[in-house]
Amino acid sequence: MFKTEKGITLVALIITIIVLVILAAVSIAAVYQSRIVNYAINGTMNYATEGIKENQVIKGTESLLDSAVSALSSIFSSGAAGNVTQ
């Protein structure tokens, strides 16, 4: 009689796993040797630094706008706005 069971053998499964482990090891070694991780870390640090600088610029702009609004408010509340012709 013929064998009708279909599937992979344990030997084929083990060989496949070994090949995948070897490929993973080679890929990980290539990533570390090409310094991709270092570039990613440097990019993250640069992004954070530029974010801090941008927040400082925004805070400076907010303070300038606040002083401009308060100056305009004092001009309009003092009645000097009545002298402006429309």
Protein backbone atom coordinates (compact mmCIF):
# COMPACT_ATOMS: atom_id res chain seq x y z
CA MET A 1 0.00 0.00 0.00
CA PHE A 2 0.97 3.62 -0.55
CA LYS A 3 1.58 6.05 2.26
CA THR A 4 -1.07 8.79 2.07
CA GLU A 5 0.10 11.05 4.90
CA LYS A 6 1.33 14.43 3.80
CA GLY A 7 3.47 16.91 5.69
CA ILE A 8 7.01 17.83 6.54
CA THR A 9 9.36 15.64 8.43
CA LEU A 10 11.07 16.58 11.65
CA VAL A 11 14.43 16.64 9.85
CA ALA A 12 13.15 19.17 7.30
CA LEU A 13 11.77 21.35 10.10
CA ILE A 14 15.08 21.31 12.00
CA ILE A 15 17.05 22.16 8.85
CA THR A 16 14.69 25.06 8.14
CA ILE A 17 15.10 26.42 11.67
CA ILE A 18 18.89 26.15 11.47
CA VAL A 19 18.94 28.03 8.16
CA LEU A 20 16.72 30.78 9.62
CA VAL A 21 18.97 31.12 12.69
CA ILE A 22 22.05 31.45 10.47
CA LEU A 23 20.33 34.09 8.32
CA ALA A 24 19.28 36.02 11.43
CA ALA A 25 22.82 35.94 12.84
CA VAL A 26 24.31 37.18 9.58
CA SER A 27 21.70 39.95 9.29
CA ILE A 28 22.20 41.16 12.86
CA ALA A 29 25.98 41.19 12.41
CA ALA A 30 25.61 43.18 9.18
CA VAL A 31 23.38 45.74 10.89
CA TYR A 32 25.87 46.34 13.69
CA GLN A 33 28.86 46.49 11.37
CA SER A 34 27.22 49.04 9.10
CA ARG A 35 26.51 51.25 12.13
CA ILE A 36 22.82 51.61 11.30
CA VAL A 37 22.02 51.51 15.01
CA ASN A 38 24.47 54.37 15.67
CA TYR A 39 22.86 56.45 12.93
CA ALA A 40 19.45 55.83 14.45
CA ILE A 41 20.64 56.83 17.92
CA ASN A 42 22.30 59.99 16.57
CA GLY A 43 19.15 60.85 14.64
CA THR A 44 17.07 60.47 17.77
CA MET A 45 19.41 62.70 19.75
CA ASN A 46 19.43 65.36 17.02
CA TYR A 47 15.63 65.23 16.84
CA ALA A 48 15.34 65.76 20.60
CA THR A 49 17.86 68.62 20.55
CA GLU A 50 16.06 70.39 17.73
CA GLY A 51 12.75 69.91 19.55
CA ILE A 52 14.17 71.68 22.61
CA LYS A 53 15.44 74.54 20.44
CA GLU A 54 12.07 74.84 18.74
CA ASN A 55 10.28 75.00 22.09
CA GLN A 56 12.61 77.81 23.18
CA VAL A 57 11.82 79.76 20.01
CA ILE A 58 8.09 79.23 20.56
CA LYS A 59 8.35 80.47 24.16
CA GLY A 60 10.25 83.57 22.99
CA THR A 61 7.64 84.24 20.34
CA GLU A 62 4.85 83.80 22.88
CA SER A 63 6.45 86.35 25.20
CA LEU A 64 6.84 88.83 22.33
CA LEU A 65 3.20 88.37 21.36
CA ASP A 66 2.10 88.76 24.98
CA SER A 67 4.00 92.03 25.31
CA ALA A 68 2.60 93.29 21.99
CA VAL A 69 -0.96 92.42 23.04
CA SER A 70 -0.53 94.10 26.42
CA ALA A 71 0.89 97.21 24.74
CA LEU A 72 -2.02 97.35 22.33
CA SER A 73 -4.48 96.78 25.18
CA SER A 74 -2.99 99.67 27.14
CA ILE A 75 -3.18 101.91 24.06
CA PHE A 76 -6.81 101.09 23.42
CA SER A 77 -7.83 101.26 27.09
CA SER A 78 -6.19 104.66 27.63
CA GLY A 79 -8.41 106.28 25.05
CA ALA A 80 -5.67 106.93 22.54
CA ALA A 81 -7.58 104.85 20.06
CA GLY A 82 -10.21 107.60 19.83
CA ASN A 83 -7.69 109.75 17.97
CA VAL A 84 -7.37 107.25 15.14
CA THR A 85 -9.41 108.15 12.07
CA GLN A 86 -11.21 105.41 10.23
